[in-house]
Amino acid sequence: MALSDGANLLTVRLRLFAVFRERVGQECIEALLKSGSTVADALTFLGELHPDTVSLMSTSMVAVNQEYAERSHILQPNDEVALIPPVSGGVACQTRSCL
């Protein structure tokens, strides 16, 4: 997202968990976005900085200020956008005895 001179801007904090944090190498990133930007715009910002995170985004949850949010959610100045990848673990059940 290109920022033009004179545009109203807002700063949001991207908080990264698990594999996002591992790939980026830090827990938080500040993003300078145009006023009226959405969660999707913040994800685009991160993807442009760290292309290896793009593949994670479609399966991850996003929270804004500790509440789950849609990609269309309009961001406000100083919002915190948390990227939460899916959690996995355990063993797949292969027999009826697991049920």
PDB file of N, CA and C in Angstrom:
ATOM      1  N   MET A   1       0.843  -1.161   0.000  1.00  0.00           N
ATOM      2  CA  MET A   1       0.000   0.000   0.000  1.00  0.00           C
ATOM      3  C   MET A   1       0.895   1.232   0.000  1.00  0.00           C
ATOM      4  N   ALA A   2       0.846   2.020  -1.035  1.00  0.00           N
ATOM      5  CA  ALA A   2       1.660   3.223  -1.130  1.00  0.00           C
ATOM      6  C   ALA A   2       1.017   4.338  -0.320  1.00  0.00           C
ATOM      7  N   LEU A   3       1.813   5.080   0.381  1.00  0.00           N
ATOM      8  CA  LEU A   3       1.323   6.188   1.184  1.00  0.00           C
ATOM      9  C   LEU A   3       1.675   7.482   0.477  1.00  0.00           C
ATOM     10  N   SER A   4       0.643   8.270   0.138  1.00  0.00           N
ATOM     11  CA  SER A   4       0.889   9.516  -0.574  1.00  0.00           C
ATOM     12  C   SER A   4       1.091  10.654   0.418  1.00  0.00           C
ATOM     13  N   ASP A   5       1.762  11.705  -0.032  1.00  0.00           N
ATOM     14  CA  ASP A   5       1.971  12.877   0.816  1.00  0.00           C
ATOM     15  C   ASP A   5       0.629  13.460   1.219  1.00  0.00           C
ATOM     16  N   GLY A   6       0.511  13.852   2.466  1.00  0.00           N
ATOM     17  CA  GLY A   6      -0.707  14.482   2.938  1.00  0.00           C
ATOM     18  C   GLY A   6      -1.795  13.510   3.341  1.00  0.00           C
ATOM     19  N   ALA A   7      -1.562  12.229   3.161  1.00  0.00           N
ATOM     20  CA  ALA A   7      -2.577  11.244   3.539  1.00  0.00           C
ATOM     21  C   ALA A   7      -2.686  11.188   5.055  1.00  0.00           C
ATOM     22  N   ASN A   8      -3.903  10.981   5.538  1.00  0.00           N
ATOM     23  CA  ASN A   8      -4.082  10.745   6.969  1.00  0.00           C
ATOM     24  C   ASN A   8      -3.592   9.347   7.271  1.00  0.00           C
ATOM     25  N   LEU A   9      -2.707   9.235   8.236  1.00  0.00           N
ATOM     26  CA  LEU A   9      -2.091   7.953   8.545  1.00  0.00           C
ATOM     27  C   LEU A   9      -2.438   7.513   9.957  1.00  0.00           C
ATOM     28  N   LEU A  10      -2.336   6.218  10.177  1.00  0.00           N
ATOM     29  CA  LEU A  10      -2.512   5.677  11.514  1.00  0.00           C
ATOM     30  C   LEU A  10      -1.454   4.619  11.749  1.00  0.00           C
ATOM     31  N   THR A  11      -1.092   4.464  13.002  1.00  0.00           N
ATOM     32  CA  THR A  11      -0.127   3.446  13.392  1.00  0.00           C
ATOM     33  C   THR A  11      -0.864   2.352  14.135  1.00  0.00           C
ATOM     34  N   VAL A  12      -0.618   1.106  13.738  1.00  0.00           N
ATOM     35  CA  VAL A  12      -1.145  -0.043  14.462  1.00  0.00           C
ATOM     36  C   VAL A  12       0.023  -0.946  14.820  1.00  0.00           C
ATOM     37  N   ARG A  13      -0.187  -1.745  15.829  1.00  0.00           N
ATOM     38  CA  ARG A  13       0.854  -2.672  16.286  1.00  0.00           C
ATOM     39  C   ARG A  13       0.445  -4.078  15.875  1.00  0.00           C
ATOM     40  N   LEU A  14       1.302  -4.750  15.126  1.00  0.00           N
ATOM     41  CA  LEU A  14       1.072  -6.138  14.741  1.00  0.00           C
ATOM     42  C   LEU A  14       1.765  -7.019  15.766  1.00  0.00           C
ATOM     43  N   ARG A  15       0.992  -7.811  16.465  1.00  0.00           N
ATOM     44  CA  ARG A  15       1.550  -8.716  17.478  1.00  0.00           C
ATOM     45  C   ARG A  15       1.582 -10.116  16.886  1.00  0.00           C
ATOM     46  N   LEU A  16       2.751 -10.728  16.897  1.00  0.00           N
ATOM     47  CA  LEU A  16       2.982 -11.986  16.191  1.00  0.00           C
ATOM     48  C   LEU A  16       3.169 -13.131  17.169  1.00  0.00           C
ATOM     49  N   PHE A  17       2.481 -14.236  16.890  1.00  0.00           N
ATOM     50  CA  PHE A  17       2.566 -15.414  17.741  1.00  0.00           C
ATOM     51  C   PHE A  17       3.116 -16.601  16.967  1.00  0.00           C
ATOM     52  N   ALA A  18       3.740 -17.510  17.702  1.00  0.00           N
ATOM     53  CA  ALA A  18       4.189 -18.819  17.207  1.00  0.00           C
ATOM     54  C   ALA A  18       4.995 -18.689  15.919  1.00  0.00           C
ATOM     55  N   VAL A  19       4.546 -19.346  14.856  1.00  0.00           N
ATOM     56  CA  VAL A  19       5.316 -19.403  13.613  1.00  0.00           C
ATOM     57  C   VAL A  19       5.470 -18.023  12.969  1.00  0.00           C
ATOM     58  N   PHE A  20       4.499 -17.124  13.158  1.00  0.00           N
ATOM     59  CA  PHE A  20       4.671 -15.752  12.655  1.00  0.00           C
ATOM     60  C   PHE A  20       5.895 -15.118  13.319  1.00  0.00           C
ATOM     61  N   ARG A  21       5.984 -15.252  14.622  1.00  0.00           N
ATOM     62  CA  ARG A  21       7.114 -14.682  15.363  1.00  0.00           C
ATOM     63  C   ARG A  21       8.425 -15.309  14.906  1.00  0.00           C
ATOM     64  N   GLU A  22       8.418 -16.623  14.707  1.00  0.00           N
ATOM     65  CA  GLU A  22       9.633 -17.312  14.263  1.00  0.00           C
ATOM     66  C   GLU A  22      10.089 -16.813  12.898  1.00  0.00           C
ATOM     67  N   ARG A  23       9.154 -16.648  11.977  1.00  0.00           N
ATOM     68  CA  ARG A  23       9.532 -16.235  10.618  1.00  0.00           C
ATOM     69  C   ARG A  23       9.958 -14.779  10.540  1.00  0.00           C
ATOM     70  N   VAL A  24       9.347 -13.935  11.349  1.00  0.00           N
ATOM     71  CA  VAL A  24       9.666 -12.508  11.321  1.00  0.00           C
ATOM     72  C   VAL A  24      10.873 -12.189  12.204  1.00  0.00           C
ATOM     73  N   GLY A  25      11.041 -12.948  13.275  1.00  0.00           N
ATOM     74  CA  GLY A  25      12.173 -12.731  14.163  1.00  0.00           C
ATOM     75  C   GLY A  25      11.927 -11.707  15.249  1.00  0.00           C
ATOM     76  N   GLN A  26      10.685 -11.318  15.433  1.00  0.00           N
ATOM     77  CA  GLN A  26      10.344 -10.404  16.517  1.00  0.00           C
ATOM     78  C   GLN A  26       8.876 -10.576  16.887  1.00  0.00           C
ATOM     79  N   GLU A  27       8.546 -10.102  18.072  1.00  0.00           N
ATOM     80  CA  GLU A  27       7.204 -10.284  18.624  1.00  0.00           C
ATOM     81  C   GLU A  27       6.202  -9.268  18.086  1.00  0.00           C
ATOM     82  N   CYS A  28       6.653  -8.052  17.816  1.00  0.00           N
ATOM     83  CA  CYS A  28       5.755  -6.981  17.384  1.00  0.00           C
ATOM     84  C   CYS A  28       6.384  -6.160  16.266  1.00  0.00           C
ATOM     85  N   ILE A  29       5.502  -5.627  15.430  1.00  0.00           N
ATOM     86  CA  ILE A  29       5.914  -4.711  14.367  1.00  0.00           C
ATOM     87  C   ILE A  29       4.919  -3.557  14.366  1.00  0.00           C
ATOM     88  N   GLU A  30       5.386  -2.341  14.213  1.00  0.00           N
ATOM     89  CA  GLU A  30       4.484  -1.212  14.030  1.00  0.00           C
ATOM     90  C   GLU A  30       4.271  -1.005  12.545  1.00  0.00           C
ATOM     91  N   ALA A  31       3.011  -0.798  12.178  1.00  0.00           N
ATOM     92  CA  ALA A  31       2.656  -0.580  10.776  1.00  0.00           C
ATOM     93  C   ALA A  31       2.055   0.809  10.628  1.00  0.00           C
ATOM     94  N   LEU A  32       2.543   1.558   9.662  1.00  0.00           N
ATOM     95  CA  LEU A  32       1.999   2.867   9.330  1.00  0.00           C
ATOM     96  C   LEU A  32       1.098   2.673   8.117  1.00  0.00           C
ATOM     97  N   LEU A  33      -0.205   2.886   8.304  1.00  0.00           N
ATOM     98  CA  LEU A  33      -1.203   2.620   7.271  1.00  0.00           C
ATOM     99  C   LEU A  33      -2.046   3.864   7.021  1.00  0.00           C
ATOM    100  N   LYS A  34      -2.738   3.887   5.887  1.00  0.00           N
ATOM    101  CA  LYS A  34      -3.669   4.967   5.596  1.00  0.00           C
ATOM    102  C   LYS A  34      -4.863   4.888   6.529  1.00  0.00           C
ATOM    103  N   SER A  35      -5.384   6.034   6.891  1.00  0.00           N
ATOM    104  CA  SER A  35      -6.607   6.086   7.675  1.00  0.00           C
ATOM    105  C   SER A  35      -7.702   5.346   6.913  1.00  0.00           C
ATOM    106  N   GLY A  36      -8.500   4.555   7.620  1.00  0.00           N
ATOM    107  CA  GLY A  36      -9.539   3.759   6.975  1.00  0.00           C
ATOM    108  C   GLY A  36      -9.076   2.380   6.558  1.00  0.00           C
ATOM    109  N   SER A  37      -7.822   2.048   6.856  1.00  0.00           N
ATOM    110  CA  SER A  37      -7.291   0.727   6.505  1.00  0.00           C
ATOM    111  C   SER A  37      -7.988  -0.357   7.316  1.00  0.00           C
ATOM    112  N   THR A  38      -7.990  -1.555   6.747  1.00  0.00           N
ATOM    113  CA  THR A  38      -8.629  -2.706   7.369  1.00  0.00           C
ATOM    114  C   THR A  38      -7.577  -3.692   7.878  1.00  0.00           C
ATOM    115  N   VAL A  39      -8.067  -4.712   8.564  1.00  0.00           N
ATOM    116  CA  VAL A  39      -7.186  -5.807   8.976  1.00  0.00           C
ATOM    117  C   VAL A  39      -6.493  -6.390   7.752  1.00  0.00           C
ATOM    118  N   ALA A  40      -7.228  -6.552   6.655  1.00  0.00           N
ATOM    119  CA  ALA A  40      -6.632  -7.095   5.424  1.00  0.00           C
ATOM    120  C   ALA A  40      -5.465  -6.233   4.950  1.00  0.00           C
ATOM    121  N   ASP A  41      -5.585  -4.921   5.076  1.00  0.00           N
ATOM    122  CA  ASP A  41      -4.487  -4.026   4.689  1.00  0.00           C
ATOM    123  C   ASP A  41      -3.269  -4.229   5.593  1.00  0.00           C
ATOM    124  N   ALA A  42      -3.505  -4.452   6.872  1.00  0.00           N
ATOM    125  CA  ALA A  42      -2.393  -4.712   7.796  1.00  0.00           C
ATOM    126  C   ALA A  42      -1.699  -6.020   7.442  1.00  0.00           C
ATOM    127  N   LEU A  43      -2.485  -7.033   7.043  1.00  0.00           N
ATOM    128  CA  LEU A  43      -1.892  -8.308   6.631  1.00  0.00           C
ATOM    129  C   LEU A  43      -1.080  -8.138   5.353  1.00  0.00           C
ATOM    130  N   THR A  44      -1.578  -7.325   4.440  1.00  0.00           N
ATOM    131  CA  THR A  44      -0.829  -7.039   3.212  1.00  0.00           C
ATOM    132  C   THR A  44       0.496  -6.366   3.549  1.00  0.00           C
ATOM    133  N   PHE A  45       0.467  -5.421   4.464  1.00  0.00           N
ATOM    134  CA  PHE A  45       1.686  -4.745   4.919  1.00  0.00           C
ATOM    135  C   PHE A  45       2.703  -5.767   5.419  1.00  0.00           C
ATOM    136  N   LEU A  46       2.250  -6.679   6.289  1.00  0.00           N
ATOM    137  CA  LEU A  46       3.156  -7.695   6.828  1.00  0.00           C
ATOM    138  C   LEU A  46       3.676  -8.604   5.719  1.00  0.00           C
ATOM    139  N   GLY A  47       2.796  -9.011   4.812  1.00  0.00           N
ATOM    140  CA  GLY A  47       3.192  -9.893   3.717  1.00  0.00           C
ATOM    141  C   GLY A  47       4.216  -9.268   2.787  1.00  0.00           C
ATOM    142  N   GLU A  48       4.123  -7.950   2.601  1.00  0.00           N
ATOM    143  CA  GLU A  48       5.105  -7.262   1.762  1.00  0.00           C
ATOM    144  C   GLU A  48       6.463  -7.189   2.455  1.00  0.00           C
ATOM    145  N   LEU A  49       6.463  -7.008   3.769  1.00  0.00           N
ATOM    146  CA  LEU A  49       7.720  -6.977   4.531  1.00  0.00           C
ATOM    147  C   LEU A  49       8.332  -8.365   4.697  1.00  0.00           C
ATOM    148  N   HIS A  50       7.468  -9.361   4.891  1.00  0.00           N
ATOM    149  CA  HIS A  50       7.906 -10.732   5.178  1.00  0.00           C
ATOM    150  C   HIS A  50       7.086 -11.705   4.335  1.00  0.00           C
ATOM    151  N   PRO A  51       7.453 -11.881   3.061  1.00  0.00           N
ATOM    152  CA  PRO A  51       6.674 -12.735   2.153  1.00  0.00           C
ATOM    153  C   PRO A  51       6.479 -14.167   2.648  1.00  0.00           C
ATOM    154  N   ASP A  52       7.367 -14.656   3.492  1.00  0.00           N
ATOM    155  CA  ASP A  52       7.227 -16.029   3.985  1.00  0.00           C
ATOM    156  C   ASP A  52       6.093 -16.182   4.999  1.00  0.00           C
ATOM    157  N   THR A  53       5.409 -15.090   5.348  1.00  0.00           N
ATOM    158  CA  THR A  53       4.249 -15.184   6.241  1.00  0.00           C
ATOM    159  C   THR A  53       2.931 -15.289   5.479  1.00  0.00           C
ATOM    160  N   VAL A  54       2.941 -14.984   4.196  1.00  0.00           N
ATOM    161  CA  VAL A  54       1.701 -14.935   3.413  1.00  0.00           C
ATOM    162  C   VAL A  54       0.966 -16.269   3.432  1.00  0.00           C
ATOM    163  N   SER A  55       1.686 -17.361   3.308  1.00  0.00           N
ATOM    164  CA  SER A  55       1.048 -18.681   3.261  1.00  0.00           C
ATOM    165  C   SER A  55       0.336 -19.034   4.567  1.00  0.00           C
ATOM    166  N   LEU A  56       0.669 -18.377   5.654  1.00  0.00           N
ATOM    167  CA  LEU A  56       0.058 -18.649   6.955  1.00  0.00           C
ATOM    168  C   LEU A  56      -1.245 -17.891   7.168  1.00  0.00           C
ATOM    169  N   MET A  57      -1.437 -16.829   6.435  1.00  0.00           N
ATOM    170  CA  MET A  57      -2.515 -15.895   6.747  1.00  0.00           C
ATOM    171  C   MET A  57      -3.916 -16.455   6.532  1.00  0.00           C
ATOM    172  N   SER A  58      -4.111 -17.273   5.521  1.00  0.00           N
ATOM    173  CA  SER A  58      -5.463 -17.766   5.229  1.00  0.00           C
ATOM    174  C   SER A  58      -5.978 -18.726   6.294  1.00  0.00           C
ATOM    175  N   THR A  59      -5.095 -19.346   7.056  1.00  0.00           N
ATOM    176  CA  THR A  59      -5.523 -20.297   8.084  1.00  0.00           C
ATOM    177  C   THR A  59      -5.381 -19.739   9.499  1.00  0.00           C
ATOM    178  N   SER A  60      -5.045 -18.482   9.603  1.00  0.00           N
ATOM    179  CA  SER A  60      -4.823 -17.875  10.917  1.00  0.00           C
ATOM    180  C   SER A  60      -6.003 -17.007  11.334  1.00  0.00           C
ATOM    181  N   MET A  61      -6.176 -16.900  12.637  1.00  0.00           N
ATOM    182  CA  MET A  61      -7.178 -15.998  13.204  1.00  0.00           C
ATOM    183  C   MET A  61      -6.515 -14.648  13.457  1.00  0.00           C
ATOM    184  N   VAL A  62      -7.352 -13.622  13.479  1.00  0.00           N
ATOM    185  CA  VAL A  62      -6.867 -12.279  13.759  1.00  0.00           C
ATOM    186  C   VAL A  62      -7.726 -11.698  14.880  1.00  0.00           C
ATOM    187  N   ALA A  63      -7.081 -11.040  15.801  1.00  0.00           N
ATOM    188  CA  ALA A  63      -7.793 -10.331  16.864  1.00  0.00           C
ATOM    189  C   ALA A  63      -7.351  -8.874  16.850  1.00  0.00           C
ATOM    190  N   VAL A  64      -8.301  -7.989  17.075  1.00  0.00           N
ATOM    191  CA  VAL A  64      -8.005  -6.567  17.211  1.00  0.00           C
ATOM    192  C   VAL A  64      -8.347  -6.181  18.645  1.00  0.00           C
ATOM    193  N   ASN A  65      -7.340  -5.703  19.340  1.00  0.00           N
ATOM    194  CA  ASN A  65      -7.509  -5.322  20.746  1.00  0.00           C
ATOM    195  C   ASN A  65      -8.120  -6.462  21.564  1.00  0.00           C
ATOM    196  N   GLN A  66      -7.605  -7.660  21.336  1.00  0.00           N
ATOM    197  CA  GLN A  66      -7.939  -8.876  22.077  1.00  0.00           C
ATOM    198  C   GLN A  66      -9.349  -9.397  21.820  1.00  0.00           C
ATOM    199  N   GLU A  67      -9.955  -9.011  20.679  1.00  0.00           N
ATOM    200  CA  GLU A  67     -11.238  -9.572  20.264  1.00  0.00           C
ATOM    201  C   GLU A  67     -11.104 -10.029  18.822  1.00  0.00           C
ATOM    202  N   TYR A  68     -11.571 -11.258  18.540  1.00  0.00           N
ATOM    203  CA  TYR A  68     -11.479 -11.765  17.178  1.00  0.00           C
ATOM    204  C   TYR A  68     -12.155 -10.798  16.217  1.00  0.00           C
ATOM    205  N   ALA A  69     -11.557 -10.636  15.037  1.00  0.00           N
ATOM    206  CA  ALA A  69     -12.048  -9.661  14.065  1.00  0.00           C
ATOM    207  C   ALA A  69     -12.004 -10.248  12.660  1.00  0.00           C
ATOM    208  N   GLU A  70     -12.876  -9.737  11.813  1.00  0.00           N
ATOM    209  CA  GLU A  70     -12.897 -10.096  10.397  1.00  0.00           C
ATOM    210  C   GLU A  70     -11.820  -9.301   9.667  1.00  0.00           C
ATOM    211  N   ARG A  71     -11.462  -9.792   8.495  1.00  0.00           N
ATOM    212  CA  ARG A  71     -10.457  -9.094   7.679  1.00  0.00           C
ATOM    213  C   ARG A  71     -10.950  -7.711   7.246  1.00  0.00           C
ATOM    214  N   SER A  72     -12.263  -7.520   7.209  1.00  0.00           N
ATOM    215  CA  SER A  72     -12.843  -6.247   6.771  1.00  0.00           C
ATOM    216  C   SER A  72     -12.939  -5.208   7.896  1.00  0.00           C
ATOM    217  N   HIS A  73     -12.562  -5.582   9.103  1.00  0.00           N
ATOM    218  CA  HIS A  73     -12.628  -4.677  10.259  1.00  0.00           C
ATOM    219  C   HIS A  73     -11.764  -3.442   9.996  1.00  0.00           C
ATOM    220  N   ILE A  74     -12.337  -2.263  10.181  1.00  0.00           N
ATOM    221  CA  ILE A  74     -11.600  -1.012   9.967  1.00  0.00           C
ATOM    222  C   ILE A  74     -10.797  -0.683  11.222  1.00  0.00           C
ATOM    223  N   LEU A  75      -9.527  -0.439  11.013  1.00  0.00           N
ATOM    224  CA  LEU A  75      -8.603  -0.183  12.121  1.00  0.00           C
ATOM    225  C   LEU A  75      -8.642   1.270  12.570  1.00  0.00           C
ATOM    226  N   GLN A  76      -8.360   1.451  13.849  1.00  0.00           N
ATOM    227  CA  GLN A  76      -8.274   2.775  14.459  1.00  0.00           C
ATOM    228  C   GLN A  76      -6.827   3.010  14.903  1.00  0.00           C
ATOM    229  N   PRO A  77      -6.437   4.268  15.084  1.00  0.00           N
ATOM    230  CA  PRO A  77      -5.076   4.533  15.552  1.00  0.00           C
ATOM    231  C   PRO A  77      -4.766   3.774  16.842  1.00  0.00           C
ATOM    232  N   ASN A  78      -3.576   3.230  16.887  1.00  0.00           N
ATOM    233  CA  ASN A  78      -3.047   2.514  18.051  1.00  0.00           C
ATOM    234  C   ASN A  78      -3.713   1.174  18.342  1.00  0.00           C
ATOM    235  N   ASP A  79      -4.485   0.642  17.394  1.00  0.00           N
ATOM    236  CA  ASP A  79      -5.035  -0.705  17.563  1.00  0.00           C
ATOM    237  C   ASP A  79      -3.904  -1.717  17.620  1.00  0.00           C
ATOM    238  N   GLU A  80      -4.156  -2.818  18.314  1.00  0.00           N
ATOM    239  CA  GLU A  80      -3.234  -3.949  18.317  1.00  0.00           C
ATOM    240  C   GLU A  80      -3.879  -5.066  17.507  1.00  0.00           C
ATOM    241  N   VAL A  81      -3.183  -5.517  16.474  1.00  0.00           N
ATOM    242  CA  VAL A  81      -3.666  -6.590  15.606  1.00  0.00           C
ATOM    243  C   VAL A  81      -2.816  -7.820  15.889  1.00  0.00           C
ATOM    244  N   ALA A  82      -3.440  -8.848  16.447  1.00  0.00           N
ATOM    245  CA  ALA A  82      -2.726 -10.080  16.786  1.00  0.00           C
ATOM    246  C   ALA A  82      -2.973 -11.125  15.709  1.00  0.00           C
ATOM    247  N   LEU A  83      -1.901 -11.749  15.227  1.00  0.00           N
ATOM    248  CA  LEU A  83      -1.990 -12.826  14.249  1.00  0.00           C
ATOM    249  C   LEU A  83      -1.758 -14.138  14.972  1.00  0.00           C
ATOM    250  N   ILE A  84      -2.777 -14.995  14.923  1.00  0.00           N
ATOM    251  CA  ILE A  84      -2.775 -16.227  15.702  1.00  0.00           C
ATOM    252  C   ILE A  84      -2.880 -17.413  14.752  1.00  0.00           C
ATOM    253  N   PRO A  85      -1.779 -18.119  14.528  1.00  0.00           N
ATOM    254  CA  PRO A  85      -1.822 -19.276  13.630  1.00  0.00           C
ATOM    255  C   PRO A  85      -2.562 -20.435  14.291  1.00  0.00           C
ATOM    256  N   PRO A  86      -3.017 -21.393  13.483  1.00  0.00           N
ATOM    257  CA  PRO A  86      -3.702 -22.548  14.072  1.00  0.00           C
ATOM    258  C   PRO A  86      -2.754 -23.333  14.969  1.00  0.00           C
ATOM    259  N   VAL A  87      -3.321 -23.894  16.002  1.00  0.00           N
ATOM    260  CA  VAL A  87      -2.557 -24.723  16.930  1.00  0.00           C
ATOM    261  C   VAL A  87      -2.808 -26.171  16.559  1.00  0.00           C
ATOM    262  N   SER A  88      -1.761 -26.963  16.532  1.00  0.00           N
ATOM    263  CA  SER A  88      -1.931 -28.383  16.215  1.00  0.00           C
ATOM    264  C   SER A  88      -1.237 -29.206  17.278  1.00  0.00           C
ATOM    265  N   GLY A  89      -1.557 -30.456  17.263  1.00  0.00           N
ATOM    266  CA  GLY A  89      -0.926 -31.344  18.224  1.00  0.00           C
ATOM    267  C   GLY A  89      -1.753 -32.589  18.386  1.00  0.00           C
ATOM    268  N   GLY A  90      -1.284 -33.492  19.174  1.00  0.00           N
ATOM    269  CA  GLY A  90      -2.002 -34.732  19.379  1.00  0.00           C
ATOM    270  C   GLY A  90      -1.781 -35.688  18.233  1.00  0.00           C
ATOM    271  N   VAL A  91      -2.541 -36.768  18.251  1.00  0.00           N
ATOM    272  CA  VAL A  91      -2.418 -37.818  17.248  1.00  0.00           C
ATOM    273  C   VAL A  91      -3.774 -38.029  16.608  1.00  0.00           C
ATOM    274  N   ALA A  92      -3.790 -38.163  15.294  1.00  0.00           N
ATOM    275  CA  ALA A  92      -5.045 -38.427  14.593  1.00  0.00           C
ATOM    276  C   ALA A  92      -5.589 -39.786  15.004  1.00  0.00           C
ATOM    277  N   CYS A  93      -6.879 -39.853  15.179  1.00  0.00           N
ATOM    278  CA  CYS A  93      -7.531 -41.102  15.569  1.00  0.00           C
ATOM    279  C   CYS A  93      -7.656 -42.008  14.348  1.00  0.00           C
ATOM    280  N   GLN A  94      -7.094 -43.204  14.421  1.00  0.00           N
ATOM    281  CA  GLN A  94      -7.116 -44.138  13.300  1.00  0.00           C
ATOM    282  C   GLN A  94      -8.050 -45.320  13.541  1.00  0.00           C
ATOM    283  N   THR A  95      -8.556 -45.467  14.742  1.00  0.00           N
ATOM    284  CA  THR A  95      -9.426 -46.610  15.034  1.00  0.00           C
ATOM    285  C   THR A  95     -10.672 -46.139  15.760  1.00  0.00           C
ATOM    286  N   ARG A  96     -11.676 -46.996  15.769  1.00  0.00           N
ATOM    287  CA  ARG A  96     -12.920 -46.662  16.459  1.00  0.00           C
ATOM    288  C   ARG A  96     -12.717 -46.567  17.967  1.00  0.00           C
ATOM    289  N   SER A  97     -11.682 -47.191  18.491  1.00  0.00           N
ATOM    290  CA  SER A  97     -11.455 -47.143  19.935  1.00  0.00           C
ATOM    291  C   SER A  97     -11.119 -45.732  20.413  1.00  0.00           C
ATOM    292  N   CYS A  98     -10.704 -44.876  19.491  1.00  0.00           N
ATOM    293  CA  CYS A  98     -10.426 -43.484  19.853  1.00  0.00           C
ATOM    294  C   CYS A  98     -11.718 -42.709  20.066  1.00  0.00           C
ATOM    295  N   LEU A  99     -12.793 -43.178  19.473  1.00  0.00           N
ATOM    296  CA  LEU A  99     -14.056 -42.452  19.548  1.00  0.00           C
ATOM    297  C   LEU A  99     -14.672 -42.705  20.838  1.00  0.00           C
TER     298      LEU A  99
END
